[in-house]
Full PDB file with SEQRES, HELIX, SHEET, SSBOND, CRYST1, ORIGX, SCALE, CONECT and MASTER records, all heavy atoms in Angstrom:
SEQRES   1 A   36  ARG ALA THR ALA PRO GLY SER VAL GLU LEU THR VAL THR          
SEQRES   2 A   36  ASP ASP GLY PRO GLY LEU GLU ASP PRO ALA SER ILE PHE          
SEQRES   3 A   36  ASP ALA PHE ALA LYS GLY ALA ALA SER THR                      
HELIX    1 AA1 PRO A   22  SER A   24  5                                   3    
CRYST1    1.000    1.000    1.000  90.00  90.00  90.00 P 1           1          
ORIGX1      1.000000  0.000000  0.000000        0.00000                         
ORIGX2      0.000000  1.000000  0.000000        0.00000                         
ORIGX3      0.000000  0.000000  1.000000        0.00000                         
SCALE1      1.000000  0.000000  0.000000        0.00000                         
SCALE2      0.000000  1.000000  0.000000        0.00000                         
SCALE3      0.000000  0.000000  1.000000        0.00000                         
ATOM      1  N   ARG A   1       0.841  -1.200   0.000  1.00  0.00           N  
ATOM      2  CA  ARG A   1       0.000   0.000   0.000  1.00  0.00           C  
ATOM      3  C   ARG A   1       0.874   1.247   0.000  1.00  0.00           C  
ATOM      4  O   ARG A   1       2.012   1.234   0.487  1.00  0.00           O  
ATOM      5  CB  ARG A   1      -0.927   0.017   1.221  1.00  0.00           C  
ATOM      6  CG  ARG A   1      -0.215   0.163   2.554  1.00  0.00           C  
ATOM      7  CD  ARG A   1      -1.165  -0.030   3.718  1.00  0.00           C  
ATOM      8  NE  ARG A   1      -0.493   0.191   5.007  1.00  0.00           N  
ATOM      9  CZ  ARG A   1      -0.666   1.259   5.769  1.00  0.00           C  
ATOM     10  NH1 ARG A   1      -1.513   2.217   5.380  1.00  0.00           N  
ATOM     11  NH2 ARG A   1      -0.035   1.389   6.920  1.00  0.00           N  
ATOM     12  N   ALA A   2       0.321   2.300  -0.565  1.00  0.00           N  
ATOM     13  CA  ALA A   2       0.956   3.609  -0.468  1.00  0.00           C  
ATOM     14  C   ALA A   2       0.657   4.170   0.914  1.00  0.00           C  
ATOM     15  O   ALA A   2      -0.454   4.029   1.433  1.00  0.00           O  
ATOM     16  CB  ALA A   2       0.416   4.536  -1.545  1.00  0.00           C  
ATOM     17  N   THR A   3       1.640   4.787   1.538  1.00  0.00           N  
ATOM     18  CA  THR A   3       1.440   5.326   2.888  1.00  0.00           C  
ATOM     19  C   THR A   3       1.584   6.841   2.844  1.00  0.00           C  
ATOM     20  O   THR A   3       0.824   7.513   2.178  1.00  0.00           O  
ATOM     21  CB  THR A   3       2.434   4.685   3.870  1.00  0.00           C  
ATOM     22  OG1 THR A   3       3.769   4.835   3.362  1.00  0.00           O  
ATOM     23  CG2 THR A   3       2.142   3.198   4.042  1.00  0.00           C  
ATOM     24  N   ALA A   4       2.560   7.370   3.551  1.00  0.00           N  
ATOM     25  CA  ALA A   4       2.786   8.817   3.517  1.00  0.00           C  
ATOM     26  C   ALA A   4       3.244   9.210   2.114  1.00  0.00           C  
ATOM     27  O   ALA A   4       3.745   8.376   1.364  1.00  0.00           O  
ATOM     28  CB  ALA A   4       3.843   9.203   4.550  1.00  0.00           C  
ATOM     29  N   PRO A   5       3.043  10.459   1.746  1.00  0.00           N  
ATOM     30  CA  PRO A   5       3.499  10.907   0.425  1.00  0.00           C  
ATOM     31  C   PRO A   5       4.974  10.563   0.219  1.00  0.00           C  
ATOM     32  O   PRO A   5       5.821  10.840   1.066  1.00  0.00           O  
ATOM     33  CB  PRO A   5       3.288  12.421   0.472  1.00  0.00           C  
ATOM     34  CG  PRO A   5       2.182  12.608   1.460  1.00  0.00           C  
ATOM     35  CD  PRO A   5       2.386  11.549   2.506  1.00  0.00           C  
ATOM     36  N   GLY A   6       5.248   9.911  -0.897  1.00  0.00           N  
ATOM     37  CA  GLY A   6       6.631   9.571  -1.217  1.00  0.00           C  
ATOM     38  C   GLY A   6       7.109   8.239  -0.704  1.00  0.00           C  
ATOM     39  O   GLY A   6       8.292   7.920  -0.834  1.00  0.00           O  
ATOM     40  N   SER A   7       6.212   7.421  -0.108  1.00  0.00           N  
ATOM     41  CA  SER A   7       6.653   6.124   0.379  1.00  0.00           C  
ATOM     42  C   SER A   7       5.563   5.066   0.209  1.00  0.00           C  
ATOM     43  O   SER A   7       4.380   5.382   0.091  1.00  0.00           O  
ATOM     44  CB  SER A   7       7.067   6.199   1.854  1.00  0.00           C  
ATOM     45  OG  SER A   7       5.946   6.494   2.667  1.00  0.00           O  
ATOM     46  N   VAL A   8       5.991   3.822   0.167  1.00  0.00           N  
ATOM     47  CA  VAL A   8       5.075   2.680   0.064  1.00  0.00           C  
ATOM     48  C   VAL A   8       5.505   1.634   1.088  1.00  0.00           C  
ATOM     49  O   VAL A   8       6.662   1.607   1.520  1.00  0.00           O  
ATOM     50  CB  VAL A   8       5.067   2.063  -1.350  1.00  0.00           C  
ATOM     51  CG1 VAL A   8       4.473   3.030  -2.359  1.00  0.00           C  
ATOM     52  CG2 VAL A   8       6.480   1.658  -1.768  1.00  0.00           C  
ATOM     53  N   GLU A   9       4.552   0.775   1.472  1.00  0.00           N  
ATOM     54  CA  GLU A   9       4.832  -0.274   2.443  1.00  0.00           C  
ATOM     55  C   GLU A   9       4.464  -1.634   1.878  1.00  0.00           C  
ATOM     56  O   GLU A   9       3.482  -1.772   1.144  1.00  0.00           O  
ATOM     57  CB  GLU A   9       4.036  -0.065   3.735  1.00  0.00           C  
ATOM     58  CG  GLU A   9       4.652   0.889   4.709  1.00  0.00           C  
ATOM     59  CD  GLU A   9       3.901   0.915   6.029  1.00  0.00           C  
ATOM     60  OE1 GLU A   9       2.877   0.220   6.181  1.00  0.00           O  
ATOM     61  OE2 GLU A   9       4.357   1.651   6.927  1.00  0.00           O  
ATOM     62  N   LEU A  10       5.248  -2.630   2.262  1.00  0.00           N  
ATOM     63  CA  LEU A  10       4.941  -4.024   1.965  1.00  0.00           C  
ATOM     64  C   LEU A  10       5.018  -4.771   3.293  1.00  0.00           C  
ATOM     65  O   LEU A  10       6.067  -4.782   3.940  1.00  0.00           O  
ATOM     66  CB  LEU A  10       5.952  -4.587   0.959  1.00  0.00           C  
ATOM     67  CG  LEU A  10       5.755  -6.033   0.503  1.00  0.00           C  
ATOM     68  CD1 LEU A  10       4.404  -6.216  -0.170  1.00  0.00           C  
ATOM     69  CD2 LEU A  10       6.872  -6.433  -0.462  1.00  0.00           C  
ATOM     70  N   THR A  11       3.914  -5.357   3.726  1.00  0.00           N  
ATOM     71  CA  THR A  11       3.882  -6.042   5.013  1.00  0.00           C  
ATOM     72  C   THR A  11       3.685  -7.539   4.817  1.00  0.00           C  
ATOM     73  O   THR A  11       2.974  -7.980   3.915  1.00  0.00           O  
ATOM     74  CB  THR A  11       2.763  -5.511   5.928  1.00  0.00           C  
ATOM     75  OG1 THR A  11       1.491  -5.708   5.294  1.00  0.00           O  
ATOM     76  CG2 THR A  11       2.951  -4.036   6.210  1.00  0.00           C  
ATOM     77  N   VAL A  12       4.351  -8.310   5.663  1.00  0.00           N  
ATOM     78  CA  VAL A  12       4.202  -9.763   5.703  1.00  0.00           C  
ATOM     79  C   VAL A  12       3.748 -10.120   7.109  1.00  0.00           C  
ATOM     80  O   VAL A  12       4.464  -9.898   8.084  1.00  0.00           O  
ATOM     81  CB  VAL A  12       5.535 -10.469   5.371  1.00  0.00           C  
ATOM     82  CG1 VAL A  12       5.355 -11.989   5.395  1.00  0.00           C  
ATOM     83  CG2 VAL A  12       6.067 -10.018   4.018  1.00  0.00           C  
ATOM     84  N   THR A  13       2.538 -10.655   7.215  1.00  0.00           N  
ATOM     85  CA  THR A  13       1.926 -10.938   8.513  1.00  0.00           C  
ATOM     86  C   THR A  13       1.593 -12.417   8.608  1.00  0.00           C  
ATOM     87  O   THR A  13       1.047 -12.995   7.665  1.00  0.00           O  
ATOM     88  CB  THR A  13       0.644 -10.111   8.703  1.00  0.00           C  
ATOM     89  OG1 THR A  13       0.941  -8.724   8.504  1.00  0.00           O  
ATOM     90  CG2 THR A  13       0.059 -10.307  10.095  1.00  0.00           C  
ATOM     91  N   ASP A  14       1.928 -13.044   9.742  1.00  0.00           N  
ATOM     92  CA  ASP A  14       1.573 -14.449   9.936  1.00  0.00           C  
ATOM     93  C   ASP A  14       0.802 -14.618  11.235  1.00  0.00           C  
ATOM     94  O   ASP A  14       0.660 -13.677  12.026  1.00  0.00           O  
ATOM     95  CB  ASP A  14       2.826 -15.342   9.910  1.00  0.00           C  
ATOM     96  CG  ASP A  14       3.762 -15.108  11.089  1.00  0.00           C  
ATOM     97  OD1 ASP A  14       3.321 -15.205  12.246  1.00  0.00           O  
ATOM     98  OD2 ASP A  14       4.962 -14.840  10.860  1.00  0.00           O  
ATOM     99  N   ASP A  15       0.276 -15.841  11.457  1.00  0.00           N  
ATOM    100  CA  ASP A  15      -0.481 -16.116  12.682  1.00  0.00           C  
ATOM    101  C   ASP A  15       0.220 -17.171  13.526  1.00  0.00           C  
ATOM    102  O   ASP A  15      -0.405 -17.988  14.187  1.00  0.00           O  
ATOM    103  CB  ASP A  15      -1.916 -16.548  12.356  1.00  0.00           C  
ATOM    104  CG  ASP A  15      -1.969 -17.803  11.502  1.00  0.00           C  
ATOM    105  OD1 ASP A  15      -0.903 -18.310  11.104  1.00  0.00           O  
ATOM    106  OD2 ASP A  15      -3.083 -18.296  11.242  1.00  0.00           O  
ATOM    107  N   GLY A  16       1.560 -17.125  13.508  1.00  0.00           N  
ATOM    108  CA  GLY A  16       2.355 -18.038  14.323  1.00  0.00           C  
ATOM    109  C   GLY A  16       2.455 -17.572  15.767  1.00  0.00           C  
ATOM    110  O   GLY A  16       1.662 -16.744  16.226  1.00  0.00           O  
ATOM    111  N   PRO A  17       3.464 -18.048  16.497  1.00  0.00           N  
ATOM    112  CA  PRO A  17       3.573 -17.721  17.928  1.00  0.00           C  
ATOM    113  C   PRO A  17       4.112 -16.327  18.218  1.00  0.00           C  
ATOM    114  O   PRO A  17       4.121 -15.891  19.370  1.00  0.00           O  
ATOM    115  CB  PRO A  17       4.549 -18.785  18.441  1.00  0.00           C  
ATOM    116  CG  PRO A  17       5.379 -19.142  17.254  1.00  0.00           C  
ATOM    117  CD  PRO A  17       4.457 -19.040  16.079  1.00  0.00           C  
ATOM    118  N   GLY A  18       4.581 -15.608  17.209  1.00  0.00           N  
ATOM    119  CA  GLY A  18       5.133 -14.278  17.441  1.00  0.00           C  
ATOM    120  C   GLY A  18       6.644 -14.322  17.620  1.00  0.00           C  
ATOM    121  O   GLY A  18       7.280 -15.381  17.530  1.00  0.00           O  
ATOM    122  N   LEU A  19       7.229 -13.158  17.885  1.00  0.00           N  
ATOM    123  CA  LEU A  19       8.683 -13.008  17.954  1.00  0.00           C  
ATOM    124  C   LEU A  19       9.154 -12.924  19.400  1.00  0.00           C  
ATOM    125  O   LEU A  19       8.536 -12.241  20.221  1.00  0.00           O  
ATOM    126  CB  LEU A  19       9.108 -11.742  17.205  1.00  0.00           C  
ATOM    127  CG  LEU A  19       8.679 -11.668  15.735  1.00  0.00           C  
ATOM    128  CD1 LEU A  19       8.967 -10.279  15.177  1.00  0.00           C  
ATOM    129  CD2 LEU A  19       9.393 -12.735  14.910  1.00  0.00           C  
ATOM    130  N   GLU A  20      10.273 -13.594  19.693  1.00  0.00           N  
ATOM    131  CA  GLU A  20      10.821 -13.547  21.045  1.00  0.00           C  
ATOM    132  C   GLU A  20      11.442 -12.184  21.345  1.00  0.00           C  
ATOM    133  O   GLU A  20      11.291 -11.652  22.440  1.00  0.00           O  
ATOM    134  CB  GLU A  20      11.883 -14.638  21.206  1.00  0.00           C  
ATOM    135  CG  GLU A  20      11.349 -16.055  21.024  1.00  0.00           C  
ATOM    136  CD  GLU A  20      12.473 -17.081  20.959  1.00  0.00           C  
ATOM    137  OE1 GLU A  20      13.634 -16.704  21.245  1.00  0.00           O  
ATOM    138  OE2 GLU A  20      12.192 -18.242  20.622  1.00  0.00           O  
ATOM    139  N   ASP A  21      12.172 -11.631  20.373  1.00  0.00           N  
ATOM    140  CA  ASP A  21      12.882 -10.366  20.586  1.00  0.00           C  
ATOM    141  C   ASP A  21      12.910  -9.575  19.276  1.00  0.00           C  
ATOM    142  O   ASP A  21      13.905  -9.609  18.543  1.00  0.00           O  
ATOM    143  CB  ASP A  21      14.303 -10.646  21.082  1.00  0.00           C  
ATOM    144  CG  ASP A  21      15.057  -9.370  21.442  1.00  0.00           C  
ATOM    145  OD1 ASP A  21      14.433  -8.283  21.425  1.00  0.00           O  
ATOM    146  OD2 ASP A  21      16.268  -9.463  21.737  1.00  0.00           O  
ATOM    147  N   PRO A  22      11.826  -8.868  18.946  1.00  0.00           N  
ATOM    148  CA  PRO A  22      11.778  -8.149  17.661  1.00  0.00           C  
ATOM    149  C   PRO A  22      12.911  -7.151  17.473  1.00  0.00           C  
ATOM    150  O   PRO A  22      13.358  -6.922  16.344  1.00  0.00           O  
ATOM    151  CB  PRO A  22      10.420  -7.429  17.720  1.00  0.00           C  
ATOM    152  CG  PRO A  22       9.607  -8.227  18.685  1.00  0.00           C  
ATOM    153  CD  PRO A  22      10.581  -8.729  19.709  1.00  0.00           C  
ATOM    154  N   ALA A  23      13.409  -6.569  18.568  1.00  0.00           N  
ATOM    155  CA  ALA A  23      14.412  -5.503  18.448  1.00  0.00           C  
ATOM    156  C   ALA A  23      15.737  -6.014  17.891  1.00  0.00           C  
ATOM    157  O   ALA A  23      16.456  -5.266  17.230  1.00  0.00           O  
ATOM    158  CB  ALA A  23      14.642  -4.855  19.816  1.00  0.00           C  
ATOM    159  N   SER A  24      16.081  -7.276  18.147  1.00  0.00           N  
ATOM    160  CA  SER A  24      17.395  -7.781  17.729  1.00  0.00           C  
ATOM    161  C   SER A  24      17.301  -8.849  16.648  1.00  0.00           C  
ATOM    162  O   SER A  24      18.312  -9.468  16.307  1.00  0.00           O  
ATOM    163  CB  SER A  24      18.140  -8.358  18.946  1.00  0.00           C  
ATOM    164  OG  SER A  24      17.444  -9.485  19.459  1.00  0.00           O  
ATOM    165  N   ILE A  25      16.117  -9.064  16.091  1.00  0.00           N  
ATOM    166  CA  ILE A  25      15.924 -10.197  15.191  1.00  0.00           C  
ATOM    167  C   ILE A  25      16.717 -10.069  13.895  1.00  0.00           C  
ATOM    168  O   ILE A  25      17.030 -11.071  13.232  1.00  0.00           O  
ATOM    169  CB  ILE A  25      14.421 -10.387  14.892  1.00  0.00           C  
ATOM    170  CG1 ILE A  25      14.182 -11.790  14.331  1.00  0.00           C  
ATOM    171  CG2 ILE A  25      13.902  -9.313  13.951  1.00  0.00           C  
ATOM    172  CD1 ILE A  25      12.728 -12.180  14.293  1.00  0.00           C  
ATOM    173  N   PHE A  26      17.089  -8.842  13.505  1.00  0.00           N  
ATOM    174  CA  PHE A  26      17.847  -8.646  12.265  1.00  0.00           C  
ATOM    175  C   PHE A  26      19.356  -8.689  12.471  1.00  0.00           C  
ATOM    176  O   PHE A  26      20.113  -8.571  11.510  1.00  0.00           O  
ATOM    177  CB  PHE A  26      17.466  -7.321  11.608  1.00  0.00           C  
ATOM    178  CG  PHE A  26      16.021  -7.252  11.180  1.00  0.00           C  
ATOM    179  CD1 PHE A  26      15.110  -6.477  11.887  1.00  0.00           C  
ATOM    180  CD2 PHE A  26      15.567  -7.973  10.083  1.00  0.00           C  
ATOM    181  CE1 PHE A  26      13.779  -6.415  11.499  1.00  0.00           C  
ATOM    182  CE2 PHE A  26      14.243  -7.918   9.688  1.00  0.00           C  
ATOM    183  CZ  PHE A  26      13.350  -7.141  10.399  1.00  0.00           C  
ATOM    184  N   ASP A  27      19.801  -8.846  13.709  1.00  0.00           N  
ATOM    185  CA  ASP A  27      21.235  -8.903  13.967  1.00  0.00           C  
ATOM    186  C   ASP A  27      21.817 -10.200  13.413  1.00  0.00           C  
ATOM    187  O   ASP A  27      21.157 -11.244  13.395  1.00  0.00           O  
ATOM    188  CB  ASP A  27      21.521  -8.838  15.472  1.00  0.00           C  
ATOM    189  CG  ASP A  27      21.136  -7.508  16.087  1.00  0.00           C  
ATOM    190  OD1 ASP A  27      20.912  -6.554  15.312  1.00  0.00           O  
ATOM    191  OD2 ASP A  27      21.057  -7.423  17.325  1.00  0.00           O  
ATOM    192  N   ALA A  28      23.066 -10.132  12.956  1.00  0.00           N  
ATOM    193  CA  ALA A  28      23.730 -11.345  12.484  1.00  0.00           C  
ATOM    194  C   ALA A  28      23.817 -12.358  13.615  1.00  0.00           C  
ATOM    195  O   ALA A  28      24.108 -12.016  14.764  1.00  0.00           O  
ATOM    196  CB  ALA A  28      25.142 -11.003  11.986  1.00  0.00           C  
ATOM    197  N   PHE A  29      23.489 -13.616  13.284  1.00  0.00           N  
ATOM    198  CA  PHE A  29      23.520 -14.759  14.189  1.00  0.00           C  
ATOM    199  C   PHE A  29      22.371 -14.770  15.189  1.00  0.00           C  
ATOM    200  O   PHE A  29      22.339 -15.630  16.070  1.00  0.00           O  
ATOM    201  CB  PHE A  29      24.860 -14.860  14.938  1.00  0.00           C  
ATOM    202  CG  PHE A  29      26.046 -14.913  14.030  1.00  0.00           C  
ATOM    203  CD1 PHE A  29      26.931 -13.846  13.965  1.00  0.00           C  
ATOM    204  CD2 PHE A  29      26.279 -16.001  13.217  1.00  0.00           C  
ATOM    205  CE1 PHE A  29      28.020 -13.880  13.113  1.00  0.00           C  
ATOM    206  CE2 PHE A  29      27.367 -16.035  12.361  1.00  0.00           C  
ATOM    207  CZ  PHE A  29      28.234 -14.974  12.308  1.00  0.00           C  
ATOM    208  N   ALA A  30      21.415 -13.847  15.066  1.00  0.00           N  
ATOM    209  CA  ALA A  30      20.227 -13.909  15.917  1.00  0.00           C  
ATOM    210  C   ALA A  30      19.360 -15.062  15.441  1.00  0.00           C  
ATOM    211  O   ALA A  30      19.040 -15.176  14.263  1.00  0.00           O  
ATOM    212  CB  ALA A  30      19.451 -12.590  15.847  1.00  0.00           C  
ATOM    213  N   LYS A  31      18.955 -15.950  16.363  1.00  0.00           N  
ATOM    214  CA  LYS A  31      18.202 -17.141  15.985  1.00  0.00           C  
ATOM    215  C   LYS A  31      17.059 -17.358  16.969  1.00  0.00           C  
ATOM    216  O   LYS A  31      17.228 -17.219  18.176  1.00  0.00           O  
ATOM    217  CB  LYS A  31      19.101 -18.385  15.991  1.00  0.00           C  
ATOM    218  CG  LYS A  31      20.225 -18.348  14.986  1.00  0.00           C  
ATOM    219  CD  LYS A  31      21.182 -19.495  15.171  1.00  0.00           C  
ATOM    220  CE  LYS A  31      20.521 -20.831  14.914  1.00  0.00           C  
ATOM    221  NZ  LYS A  31      21.487 -21.953  14.955  1.00  0.00           N  
ATOM    222  N   GLY A  32      15.887 -17.700  16.435  1.00  0.00           N  
ATOM    223  CA  GLY A  32      14.772 -18.085  17.270  1.00  0.00           C  
ATOM    224  C   GLY A  32      14.890 -19.533  17.696  1.00  0.00           C  
ATOM    225  O   GLY A  32      15.739 -20.283  17.215  1.00  0.00           O  
ATOM    226  N   ALA A  33      14.001 -19.938  18.615  1.00  0.00           N  
ATOM    227  CA  ALA A  33      14.067 -21.292  19.152  1.00  0.00           C  
ATOM    228  C   ALA A  33      13.871 -22.351  18.073  1.00  0.00           C  
ATOM    229  O   ALA A  33      14.420 -23.447  18.154  1.00  0.00           O  
ATOM    230  CB  ALA A  33      13.022 -21.460  20.254  1.00  0.00           C  
ATOM    231  N   ALA A  34      13.077 -22.038  17.038  1.00  0.00           N  
ATOM    232  CA  ALA A  34      12.791 -23.024  15.995  1.00  0.00           C  
ATOM    233  C   ALA A  34      13.763 -22.956  14.829  1.00  0.00           C  
ATOM    234  O   ALA A  34      13.634 -23.710  13.871  1.00  0.00           O  
ATOM    235  CB  ALA A  34      11.360 -22.836  15.483  1.00  0.00           C  
ATOM    236  N   SER A  35      14.754 -22.069  14.915  1.00  0.00           N  
ATOM    237  CA  SER A  35      15.663 -21.883  13.786  1.00  0.00           C  
ATOM    238  C   SER A  35      16.643 -23.041  13.677  1.00  0.00           C  
ATOM    239  O   SER A  35      17.169 -23.535  14.678  1.00  0.00           O  
ATOM    240  CB  SER A  35      16.439 -20.570  13.944  1.00  0.00           C  
ATOM    241  OG  SER A  35      17.398 -20.431  12.918  1.00  0.00           O  
ATOM    242  N   THR A  36      16.910 -23.464  12.434  1.00  0.00           N  
ATOM    243  CA  THR A  36      17.911 -24.491  12.168  1.00  0.00           C  
ATOM    244  C   THR A  36      19.050 -23.935  11.317  1.00  0.00           C  
ATOM    245  O   THR A  36      19.928 -24.681  10.916  1.00  0.00           O  
ATOM    246  CB  THR A  36      17.274 -25.693  11.440  1.00  0.00           C  
ATOM    247  OG1 THR A  36      16.664 -25.232  10.219  1.00  0.00           O  
ATOM    248  CG2 THR A  36      16.215 -26.347  12.309  1.00  0.00           C  
TER     249      THR A  36                                                      
MASTER        0    0    0    1    0    0    0    6  248    1    0    3          
END                                                                             
């Protein structure tokens, strides 16, 4: 969807258990409990 003037958003939403630590999830080597 288009949001504020000059930008667009693409969202990916699921109905799983959620995130343990959203703030650090993009850090290198950050892994959730189910990660292999």
